């Protein structure tokens, strides 16, 4: 995990995203690359009363101002934390900036395709924070994993990891992406939730696979009771002292989860822990 992408936008949760990204980067000696994220804009058209003329209101000045603000936020954070800017073929902790990125959340997914991991925040109701469309783009359009920063940055990350194992293709792929992180962990727990899985290899099978790669892991089985699977995963992970949860995204239909609820949807809206996720 040597290259991290960080979409930067000035909102109420940007500090947690930057803190989480730097915490991860320090642990894995990664280079952080920021870029100015802005929502896609639509040109403003105006016409006179008889519609004889149309005036195009340029948005370039606004976009340039937003880009400058985002860059200053990112650079100031790096200065504050004594992280040096690096270029060329850097090794170890450092940072860079990708300039002249067009507006639109879709750019998070496009740029992420050549990074090991993209760090995003989760959207929250009644909070001027990250948009869900940013997370969606990085998750679905990149082909790469994402790290979801919680609203409050953790004090540690990826030392005690819980894998939310539901036997699915999505989680198997996420585990494969996470192997460098799992190998560096002090503790790895394979968590299974009764009644919340698809046909596939058992938790014991995953433990055996991890041990074959030199990762000491153990299985914990949870019974949800009256809790949903997502609530159970988060509660068990917190009880186990985890500082990272590894989970595949949307084994069920995404639309179905949005309408009826599901583990991924609950985690995306409620987590207080960092989440390593892929689809």
C-alpha atoms as a PDB file:
ATOM      1  CA  UNK A   1       0.000   0.000   0.000  1.00  0.00           C
ATOM      2  CA  UNK A   2       2.521   2.567  -1.211  1.00  0.00           C
ATOM      3  CA  UNK A   3       0.276   5.021  -3.058  1.00  0.00           C
ATOM      4  CA  UNK A   4      -2.788   6.658  -1.505  1.00  0.00           C
ATOM      5  CA  UNK A   5      -5.203   9.003  -3.270  1.00  0.00           C
ATOM      6  CA  UNK A   6      -7.027  11.634  -1.229  1.00  0.00           C
ATOM      7  CA  UNK A   7      -9.889  13.656  -2.741  1.00  0.00           C
ATOM      8  CA  UNK A   8      -9.765  17.039  -0.977  1.00  0.00           C
ATOM      9  CA  UNK A   9     -12.739  19.318  -0.461  1.00  0.00           C
ATOM     10  CA  UNK A  10     -13.332  21.833   2.311  1.00  0.00           C
ATOM     11  CA  UNK A  11     -16.142  20.386   4.425  1.00  0.00           C
ATOM     12  CA  UNK A  12     -16.739  19.504   8.077  1.00  0.00           C
ATOM     13  CA  UNK A  13     -15.073  16.073   7.890  1.00  0.00           C
ATOM     14  CA  UNK A  14     -11.967  16.843   5.842  1.00  0.00           C
ATOM     15  CA  UNK A  15      -9.753  16.830   8.941  1.00  0.00           C
ATOM     16  CA  UNK A  16     -10.776  13.280   9.853  1.00  0.00           C
ATOM     17  CA  UNK A  17     -10.129  12.128   6.285  1.00  0.00           C
ATOM     18  CA  UNK A  18      -6.666  13.704   6.246  1.00  0.00           C
ATOM     19  CA  UNK A  19      -5.815  12.420   9.734  1.00  0.00           C
ATOM     20  CA  UNK A  20      -6.898   8.881   8.813  1.00  0.00           C
ATOM     21  CA  UNK A  21      -5.000   8.989   5.528  1.00  0.00           C
ATOM     22  CA  UNK A  22      -1.810  10.168   7.209  1.00  0.00           C
ATOM     23  CA  UNK A  23      -2.125   7.583   9.984  1.00  0.00           C
ATOM     24  CA  UNK A  24      -2.363   4.853   7.355  1.00  0.00           C
ATOM     25  CA  UNK A  25       0.463   6.362   5.290  1.00  0.00           C
ATOM     26  CA  UNK A  26       2.821   6.542   8.273  1.00  0.00           C
ATOM     27  CA  UNK A  27       2.145   2.901   9.071  1.00  0.00           C
ATOM     28  CA  UNK A  28       2.866   1.694   5.536  1.00  0.00           C
ATOM     29  CA  UNK A  29       5.329   4.390   4.400  1.00  0.00           C
ATOM     30  CA  UNK A  30       2.989   5.494   1.654  1.00  0.00           C
ATOM     31  CA  UNK A  31       2.920   8.552  -0.578  1.00  0.00           C
ATOM     32  CA  UNK A  32      -0.237  10.654  -0.317  1.00  0.00           C
ATOM     33  CA  UNK A  33      -1.495  12.336  -3.469  1.00  0.00           C
ATOM     34  CA  UNK A  34      -4.237  14.905  -3.090  1.00  0.00           C
ATOM     35  CA  UNK A  35      -6.481  16.498  -5.670  1.00  0.00           C
ATOM     36  CA  UNK A  36      -9.206  19.121  -5.544  1.00  0.00           C
ATOM     37  CA  UNK A  37     -12.608  17.475  -5.594  1.00  0.00           C
ATOM     38  CA  UNK A  38     -15.588  19.525  -6.706  1.00  0.00           C
ATOM     39  CA  UNK A  39     -19.119  18.616  -7.757  1.00  0.00           C
ATOM     40  CA  UNK A  40     -19.849  18.705 -11.459  1.00  0.00           C
ATOM     41  CA  UNK A  41     -21.117  22.120 -12.456  1.00  0.00           C
ATOM     42  CA  UNK A  42     -23.656  23.134 -15.075  1.00  0.00           C
ATOM     43  CA  UNK A  43     -23.120  26.349 -17.049  1.00  0.00           C
ATOM     44  CA  UNK A  44     -25.631  29.032 -16.160  1.00  0.00           C
ATOM     45  CA  UNK A  45     -27.672  30.246 -19.105  1.00  0.00           C
ATOM     46  CA  UNK A  46     -29.576  33.496 -19.104  1.00  0.00           C
ATOM     47  CA  UNK A  47     -31.793  35.020 -21.753  1.00  0.00           C
ATOM     48  CA  UNK A  48     -33.342  38.423 -22.194  1.00  0.00           C
ATOM     49  CA  UNK A  49     -37.095  38.836 -22.009  1.00  0.00           C
ATOM     50  CA  UNK A  50     -37.643  38.052 -25.689  1.00  0.00           C
ATOM     51  CA  UNK A  51     -35.064  35.279 -25.759  1.00  0.00           C
ATOM     52  CA  UNK A  52     -33.033  37.065 -28.412  1.00  0.00           C
ATOM     53  CA  UNK A  53     -29.687  36.499 -26.737  1.00  0.00           C
ATOM     54  CA  UNK A  54     -28.133  33.976 -24.415  1.00  0.00           C
ATOM     55  CA  UNK A  55     -25.375  34.804 -21.957  1.00  0.00           C
ATOM     56  CA  UNK A  56     -22.932  32.101 -20.837  1.00  0.00           C
ATOM     57  CA  UNK A  57     -21.873  32.572 -17.227  1.00  0.00           C
ATOM     58  CA  UNK A  58     -18.383  31.083 -16.885  1.00  0.00           C
ATOM     59  CA  UNK A  59     -17.615  28.918 -13.878  1.00  0.00           C
ATOM     60  CA  UNK A  60     -13.852  28.814 -14.311  1.00  0.00           C
ATOM     61  CA  UNK A  61     -13.236  31.464 -11.645  1.00  0.00           C
ATOM     62  CA  UNK A  62     -15.274  29.547  -9.057  1.00  0.00           C
ATOM     63  CA  UNK A  63     -13.560  26.253  -9.902  1.00  0.00           C
ATOM     64  CA  UNK A  64     -10.118  27.875  -9.732  1.00  0.00           C
ATOM     65  CA  UNK A  65     -10.920  29.328  -6.300  1.00  0.00           C
ATOM     66  CA  UNK A  66     -12.153  25.938  -4.996  1.00  0.00           C
ATOM     67  CA  UNK A  67      -9.033  24.228  -6.331  1.00  0.00           C
ATOM     68  CA  UNK A  68      -6.785  26.757  -4.606  1.00  0.00           C
ATOM     69  CA  UNK A  69      -8.636  26.359  -1.303  1.00  0.00           C
ATOM     70  CA  UNK A  70      -8.410  22.560  -1.438  1.00  0.00           C
ATOM     71  CA  UNK A  71      -4.719  22.657  -2.252  1.00  0.00           C
ATOM     72  CA  UNK A  72      -3.996  25.086   0.578  1.00  0.00           C
ATOM     73  CA  UNK A  73      -5.895  22.845   3.033  1.00  0.00           C
ATOM     74  CA  UNK A  74      -3.885  19.805   1.936  1.00  0.00           C
ATOM     75  CA  UNK A  75      -0.508  21.547   1.911  1.00  0.00           C
ATOM     76  CA  UNK A  76      -1.116  23.224   5.280  1.00  0.00           C
ATOM     77  CA  UNK A  77      -2.005  19.848   6.795  1.00  0.00           C
ATOM     78  CA  UNK A  78       1.204  18.309   5.462  1.00  0.00           C
ATOM     79  CA  UNK A  79       3.301  21.205   6.775  1.00  0.00           C
ATOM     80  CA  UNK A  80       1.622  20.931  10.166  1.00  0.00           C
ATOM     81  CA  UNK A  81       2.551  17.238  10.320  1.00  0.00           C
ATOM     82  CA  UNK A  82       6.091  17.671   8.936  1.00  0.00           C
ATOM     83  CA  UNK A  83       5.458  15.550   5.842  1.00  0.00           C
ATOM     84  CA  UNK A  84       7.722  16.477   2.944  1.00  0.00           C
ATOM     85  CA  UNK A  85       6.660  16.849  -0.649  1.00  0.00           C
ATOM     86  CA  UNK A  86       8.204  14.185  -2.868  1.00  0.00           C
ATOM     87  CA  UNK A  87       8.324  13.701  -6.618  1.00  0.00           C
ATOM     88  CA  UNK A  88       9.780  11.508  -9.312  1.00  0.00           C
ATOM     89  CA  UNK A  89      10.109   7.972  -7.972  1.00  0.00           C
ATOM     90  CA  UNK A  90       9.559   8.488  -4.236  1.00  0.00           C
ATOM     91  CA  UNK A  91      10.062   5.868  -1.579  1.00  0.00           C
ATOM     92  CA  UNK A  92       8.570   6.213   1.873  1.00  0.00           C
ATOM     93  CA  UNK A  93       6.249   8.779   3.394  1.00  0.00           C
ATOM     94  CA  UNK A  94       5.638  11.886   1.332  1.00  0.00           C
ATOM     95  CA  UNK A  95       3.004  13.840  -0.512  1.00  0.00           C
ATOM     96  CA  UNK A  96       2.153  15.210  -3.930  1.00  0.00           C
ATOM     97  CA  UNK A  97      -0.640  17.116  -5.608  1.00  0.00           C
ATOM     98  CA  UNK A  98      -2.500  16.340  -8.831  1.00  0.00           C
ATOM     99  CA  UNK A  99      -3.520  19.604 -10.456  1.00  0.00           C
ATOM    100  CA  UNK A 100      -6.007  20.557 -13.159  1.00  0.00           C
ATOM    101  CA  UNK A 101      -8.482  17.795 -12.321  1.00  0.00           C
ATOM    102  CA  UNK A 102     -11.898  18.447 -13.914  1.00  0.00           C
ATOM    103  CA  UNK A 103     -14.883  18.829 -11.577  1.00  0.00           C
ATOM    104  CA  UNK A 104     -17.151  15.891 -10.828  1.00  0.00           C
ATOM    105  CA  UNK A 105     -17.214  13.104  -8.258  1.00  0.00           C
ATOM    106  CA  UNK A 106     -16.568  10.609 -11.066  1.00  0.00           C
ATOM    107  CA  UNK A 107     -12.952  11.801 -11.119  1.00  0.00           C
ATOM    108  CA  UNK A 108     -12.371  10.020  -7.794  1.00  0.00           C
ATOM    109  CA  UNK A 109     -13.106   6.712  -9.517  1.00  0.00           C
ATOM    110  CA  UNK A 110     -11.071   7.513 -12.617  1.00  0.00           C
ATOM    111  CA  UNK A 111      -7.935   8.689 -10.812  1.00  0.00           C
ATOM    112  CA  UNK A 112      -8.076   5.889  -8.233  1.00  0.00           C
ATOM    113  CA  UNK A 113      -7.371   3.243 -10.868  1.00  0.00           C
ATOM    114  CA  UNK A 114      -3.610   3.762 -10.543  1.00  0.00           C
ATOM    115  CA  UNK A 115      -3.460   4.022  -6.742  1.00  0.00           C
ATOM    116  CA  UNK A 116      -3.324   1.276  -4.136  1.00  0.00           C
ATOM    117  CA  UNK A 117      -6.032   2.870  -2.011  1.00  0.00           C
ATOM    118  CA  UNK A 118      -8.338   5.889  -2.016  1.00  0.00           C
ATOM    119  CA  UNK A 119      -9.281   7.537   1.282  1.00  0.00           C
ATOM    120  CA  UNK A 120     -12.805   8.948   1.497  1.00  0.00           C
ATOM    121  CA  UNK A 121     -15.310   9.869   4.191  1.00  0.00           C
ATOM    122  CA  UNK A 122     -18.862   8.700   4.703  1.00  0.00           C
ATOM    123  CA  UNK A 123     -21.834  10.963   4.163  1.00  0.00           C
ATOM    124  CA  UNK A 124     -23.912  11.913   7.187  1.00  0.00           C
ATOM    125  CA  UNK A 125     -27.359  13.476   7.393  1.00  0.00           C
ATOM    126  CA  UNK A 126     -27.383  17.045   8.684  1.00  0.00           C
ATOM    127  CA  UNK A 127     -23.593  17.325   8.372  1.00  0.00           C
ATOM    128  CA  UNK A 128     -21.841  19.367   5.693  1.00  0.00           C
ATOM    129  CA  UNK A 129     -19.483  16.522   4.933  1.00  0.00           C
ATOM    130  CA  UNK A 130     -18.508  14.225   2.069  1.00  0.00           C
ATOM    131  CA  UNK A 131     -21.045  13.369  -0.617  1.00  0.00           C
ATOM    132  CA  UNK A 132     -22.126   9.763  -1.015  1.00  0.00           C
ATOM    133  CA  UNK A 133     -21.475  10.129  -4.745  1.00  0.00           C
ATOM    134  CA  UNK A 134     -17.758  10.569  -4.043  1.00  0.00           C
ATOM    135  CA  UNK A 135     -17.612   7.293  -2.150  1.00  0.00           C
ATOM    136  CA  UNK A 136     -19.713   5.572  -4.819  1.00  0.00           C
ATOM    137  CA  UNK A 137     -17.371   6.671  -7.596  1.00  0.00           C
ATOM    138  CA  UNK A 138     -14.248   5.513  -5.772  1.00  0.00           C
ATOM    139  CA  UNK A 139     -15.882   2.218  -4.802  1.00  0.00           C
ATOM    140  CA  UNK A 140     -17.611   1.232  -8.047  1.00  0.00           C
ATOM    141  CA  UNK A 141     -15.599   2.919 -10.810  1.00  0.00           C
ATOM    142  CA  UNK A 142     -11.988   2.413  -9.755  1.00  0.00           C
ATOM    143  CA  UNK A 143     -11.492  -1.339  -9.604  1.00  0.00           C
ATOM    144  CA  UNK A 144      -9.481  -0.601  -6.453  1.00  0.00           C
ATOM    145  CA  UNK A 145     -10.197  -0.638  -2.696  1.00  0.00           C
ATOM    146  CA  UNK A 146     -11.145   2.347  -0.581  1.00  0.00           C
ATOM    147  CA  UNK A 147     -10.512   3.325   3.024  1.00  0.00           C
ATOM    148  CA  UNK A 148     -13.561   4.938   4.620  1.00  0.00           C
ATOM    149  CA  UNK A 149     -12.521   7.369   7.332  1.00  0.00           C
ATOM    150  CA  UNK A 150     -14.908   7.625  10.301  1.00  0.00           C
ATOM    151  CA  UNK A 151     -16.268  11.010  11.438  1.00  0.00           C
ATOM    152  CA  UNK A 152     -13.621  11.138  14.183  1.00  0.00           C
ATOM    153  CA  UNK A 153     -10.137   9.988  13.229  1.00  0.00           C
ATOM    154  CA  UNK A 154      -8.860   6.896  15.092  1.00  0.00           C
ATOM    155  CA  UNK A 155      -5.751   6.855  17.266  1.00  0.00           C
ATOM    156  CA  UNK A 156      -4.444   3.745  15.483  1.00  0.00           C
ATOM    157  CA  UNK A 157      -5.226   1.920  12.281  1.00  0.00           C
ATOM    158  CA  UNK A 158      -4.764  -1.587  10.869  1.00  0.00           C
ATOM    159  CA  UNK A 159      -3.119  -3.081  13.959  1.00  0.00           C
ATOM    160  CA  UNK A 160      -6.163  -5.148  15.002  1.00  0.00           C
ATOM    161  CA  UNK A 161      -8.242  -6.110  11.996  1.00  0.00           C
ATOM    162  CA  UNK A 162     -11.649  -7.744  11.761  1.00  0.00           C
ATOM    163  CA  UNK A 163     -12.612  -9.358   8.453  1.00  0.00           C
ATOM    164  CA  UNK A 164     -16.401  -9.405   8.078  1.00  0.00           C
ATOM    165  CA  UNK A 165     -16.567 -12.727   6.235  1.00  0.00           C
ATOM    166  CA  UNK A 166     -19.821 -13.573   4.466  1.00  0.00           C
ATOM    167  CA  UNK A 167     -18.283 -16.084   2.017  1.00  0.00           C
ATOM    168  CA  UNK A 168     -18.983 -13.806  -0.969  1.00  0.00           C
ATOM    169  CA  UNK A 169     -17.014 -12.958  -4.085  1.00  0.00           C
ATOM    170  CA  UNK A 170     -16.940  -9.295  -3.052  1.00  0.00           C
ATOM    171  CA  UNK A 171     -15.400 -10.032   0.336  1.00  0.00           C
ATOM    172  CA  UNK A 172     -12.936 -12.538  -1.142  1.00  0.00           C
ATOM    173  CA  UNK A 173     -11.739  -9.836  -3.543  1.00  0.00           C
ATOM    174  CA  UNK A 174     -11.478  -7.325  -0.706  1.00  0.00           C
ATOM    175  CA  UNK A 175      -9.394  -9.745   1.366  1.00  0.00           C
ATOM    176  CA  UNK A 176      -7.047 -10.199  -1.599  1.00  0.00           C
ATOM    177  CA  UNK A 177      -6.613  -6.415  -1.897  1.00  0.00           C
ATOM    178  CA  UNK A 178      -6.002  -6.194   1.856  1.00  0.00           C
ATOM    179  CA  UNK A 179      -3.275  -8.860   2.072  1.00  0.00           C
ATOM    180  CA  UNK A 180      -0.385  -6.371   2.564  1.00  0.00           C
ATOM    181  CA  UNK A 181      -2.367  -4.741   5.373  1.00  0.00           C
ATOM    182  CA  UNK A 182      -3.321  -8.062   6.963  1.00  0.00           C
ATOM    183  CA  UNK A 183       0.297  -9.251   6.937  1.00  0.00           C
ATOM    184  CA  UNK A 184       1.352  -6.195   8.947  1.00  0.00           C
ATOM    185  CA  UNK A 185      -1.395  -6.525  11.577  1.00  0.00           C
ATOM    186  CA  UNK A 186      -0.815  -7.599  15.152  1.00  0.00           C
ATOM    187  CA  UNK A 187      -4.133  -9.461  15.242  1.00  0.00           C
ATOM    188  CA  UNK A 188      -6.590 -10.643  12.583  1.00  0.00           C
ATOM    189  CA  UNK A 189     -10.058 -11.955  13.400  1.00  0.00           C
ATOM    190  CA  UNK A 190     -12.351 -13.600  10.858  1.00  0.00           C
ATOM    191  CA  UNK A 191     -15.855 -12.631  11.979  1.00  0.00           C
ATOM    192  CA  UNK A 192     -18.871 -14.581  10.779  1.00  0.00           C
ATOM    193  CA  UNK A 193     -22.463 -13.591  11.510  1.00  0.00           C
ATOM    194  CA  UNK A 194     -25.053 -16.325  11.790  1.00  0.00           C
ATOM    195  CA  UNK A 195     -27.569 -16.212   8.946  1.00  0.00           C
ATOM    196  CA  UNK A 196     -25.647 -13.544   7.037  1.00  0.00           C
ATOM    197  CA  UNK A 197     -23.712 -15.293   4.299  1.00  0.00           C
ATOM    198  CA  UNK A 198     -23.938 -16.720   0.810  1.00  0.00           C
ATOM    199  CA  UNK A 199     -22.781 -20.193  -0.283  1.00  0.00           C
ATOM    200  CA  UNK A 200     -19.006 -20.283  -0.178  1.00  0.00           C
ATOM    201  CA  UNK A 201     -15.888 -21.126   1.836  1.00  0.00           C
ATOM    202  CA  UNK A 202     -16.351 -21.102   5.604  1.00  0.00           C
ATOM    203  CA  UNK A 203     -14.656 -18.896   8.137  1.00  0.00           C
ATOM    204  CA  UNK A 204     -12.349 -21.806   8.955  1.00  0.00           C
ATOM    205  CA  UNK A 205     -11.388 -22.002   5.280  1.00  0.00           C
ATOM    206  CA  UNK A 206     -10.440 -18.322   5.272  1.00  0.00           C
ATOM    207  CA  UNK A 207      -8.407 -18.732   8.467  1.00  0.00           C
ATOM    208  CA  UNK A 208      -6.505 -21.605   6.819  1.00  0.00           C
ATOM    209  CA  UNK A 209      -5.884 -19.485   3.716  1.00  0.00           C
ATOM    210  CA  UNK A 210      -4.538 -16.599   5.785  1.00  0.00           C
ATOM    211  CA  UNK A 211      -2.283 -18.885   7.806  1.00  0.00           C
ATOM    212  CA  UNK A 212      -0.857 -20.287   4.568  1.00  0.00           C
ATOM    213  CA  UNK A 213       0.310 -16.734   3.866  1.00  0.00           C
ATOM    214  CA  UNK A 214       1.889 -16.327   7.294  1.00  0.00           C
ATOM    215  CA  UNK A 215      -1.016 -14.412   8.838  1.00  0.00           C
ATOM    216  CA  UNK A 216      -2.014 -15.606  12.296  1.00  0.00           C
ATOM    217  CA  UNK A 217      -5.804 -15.406  12.355  1.00  0.00           C
ATOM    218  CA  UNK A 218      -8.659 -16.773  14.394  1.00  0.00           C
ATOM    219  CA  UNK A 219     -12.390 -17.105  13.816  1.00  0.00           C
ATOM    220  CA  UNK A 220     -15.150 -15.558  15.903  1.00  0.00           C
ATOM    221  CA  UNK A 221     -18.808 -16.442  15.273  1.00  0.00           C
ATOM    222  CA  UNK A 222     -21.482 -13.918  16.221  1.00  0.00           C
ATOM    223  CA  UNK A 223     -25.208 -14.344  16.707  1.00  0.00           C
ATOM    224  CA  UNK A 224     -27.097 -11.201  15.707  1.00  0.00           C
ATOM    225  CA  UNK A 225     -30.137 -11.653  17.937  1.00  0.00           C
ATOM    226  CA  UNK A 226     -32.348  -8.648  17.278  1.00  0.00           C
ATOM    227  CA  UNK A 227     -29.561  -6.748  15.547  1.00  0.00           C
ATOM    228  CA  UNK A 228     -29.085  -6.543  11.803  1.00  0.00           C
ATOM    229  CA  UNK A 229     -25.889  -7.951  10.242  1.00  0.00           C
ATOM    230  CA  UNK A 230     -24.278  -4.533   9.788  1.00  0.00           C
ATOM    231  CA  UNK A 231     -25.009  -3.529  13.369  1.00  0.00           C
ATOM    232  CA  UNK A 232     -23.645  -6.879  14.562  1.00  0.00           C
ATOM    233  CA  UNK A 233     -20.420  -6.468  12.582  1.00  0.00           C
ATOM    234  CA  UNK A 234     -19.737  -3.001  13.979  1.00  0.00           C
ATOM    235  CA  UNK A 235     -20.635  -3.968  17.560  1.00  0.00           C
ATOM    236  CA  UNK A 236     -18.455  -7.088  17.485  1.00  0.00           C
ATOM    237  CA  UNK A 237     -15.557  -5.230  15.871  1.00  0.00           C
ATOM    238  CA  UNK A 238     -15.672  -2.556  18.567  1.00  0.00           C
ATOM    239  CA  UNK A 239     -15.874  -5.224  21.292  1.00  0.00           C
ATOM    240  CA  UNK A 240     -12.812  -6.939  19.815  1.00  0.00           C
ATOM    241  CA  UNK A 241     -10.871  -3.671  19.896  1.00  0.00           C
ATOM    242  CA  UNK A 242     -10.526  -3.498  16.120  1.00  0.00           C
ATOM    243  CA  UNK A 243      -9.090  -0.405  14.468  1.00  0.00           C
ATOM    244  CA  UNK A 244      -9.964  -1.572  10.946  1.00  0.00           C
ATOM    245  CA  UNK A 245     -12.782  -3.612   9.425  1.00  0.00           C
ATOM    246  CA  UNK A 246     -12.274  -5.364   6.085  1.00  0.00           C
ATOM    247  CA  UNK A 247     -15.520  -5.954   4.209  1.00  0.00           C
ATOM    248  CA  UNK A 248     -16.759  -6.529   0.675  1.00  0.00           C
ATOM    249  CA  UNK A 249     -19.374  -4.083  -0.570  1.00  0.00           C
ATOM    250  CA  UNK A 250     -22.956  -4.865  -1.510  1.00  0.00           C
ATOM    251  CA  UNK A 251     -23.217  -8.643  -1.796  1.00  0.00           C
ATOM    252  CA  UNK A 252     -26.955  -8.013  -2.121  1.00  0.00           C
ATOM    253  CA  UNK A 253     -28.348  -5.654  -4.735  1.00  0.00           C
ATOM    254  CA  UNK A 254     -27.336  -2.112  -3.873  1.00  0.00           C
ATOM    255  CA  UNK A 255     -30.858  -0.853  -4.568  1.00  0.00           C
ATOM    256  CA  UNK A 256     -32.296  -3.554  -2.324  1.00  0.00           C
ATOM    257  CA  UNK A 257     -29.946  -2.553   0.504  1.00  0.00           C
ATOM    258  CA  UNK A 258     -30.863   1.108   0.138  1.00  0.00           C
ATOM    259  CA  UNK A 259     -34.575   0.296   0.290  1.00  0.00           C
ATOM    260  CA  UNK A 260     -34.642  -2.555   2.801  1.00  0.00           C
ATOM    261  CA  UNK A 261     -31.327  -2.120   4.575  1.00  0.00           C
ATOM    262  CA  UNK A 262     -28.312  -4.382   4.597  1.00  0.00           C
ATOM    263  CA  UNK A 263     -24.886  -4.826   6.141  1.00  0.00           C
ATOM    264  CA  UNK A 264     -23.015  -2.568   3.716  1.00  0.00           C
ATOM    265  CA  UNK A 265     -25.597   0.209   3.827  1.00  0.00           C
ATOM    266  CA  UNK A 266     -25.649   0.187   7.641  1.00  0.00           C
ATOM    267  CA  UNK A 267     -21.857   0.289   7.842  1.00  0.00           C
ATOM    268  CA  UNK A 268     -21.593   3.117   5.308  1.00  0.00           C
ATOM    269  CA  UNK A 269     -23.966   5.273   7.341  1.00  0.00           C
ATOM    270  CA  UNK A 270     -23.088   4.313  10.916  1.00  0.00           C
ATOM    271  CA  UNK A 271     -19.450   3.243  11.236  1.00  0.00           C
ATOM    272  CA  UNK A 272     -17.192   4.845  13.820  1.00  0.00           C
ATOM    273  CA  UNK A 273     -14.302   2.613  12.715  1.00  0.00           C
ATOM    274  CA  UNK A 274     -12.149   2.830   9.578  1.00  0.00           C
ATOM    275  CA  UNK A 275     -13.438   0.471   6.877  1.00  0.00           C
ATOM    276  CA  UNK A 276     -11.346  -1.157   4.137  1.00  0.00           C
ATOM    277  CA  UNK A 277     -13.811  -1.946   1.357  1.00  0.00           C
ATOM    278  CA  UNK A 278     -13.961  -3.042  -2.284  1.00  0.00           C
ATOM    279  CA  UNK A 279     -16.634  -4.204  -4.675  1.00  0.00           C
END
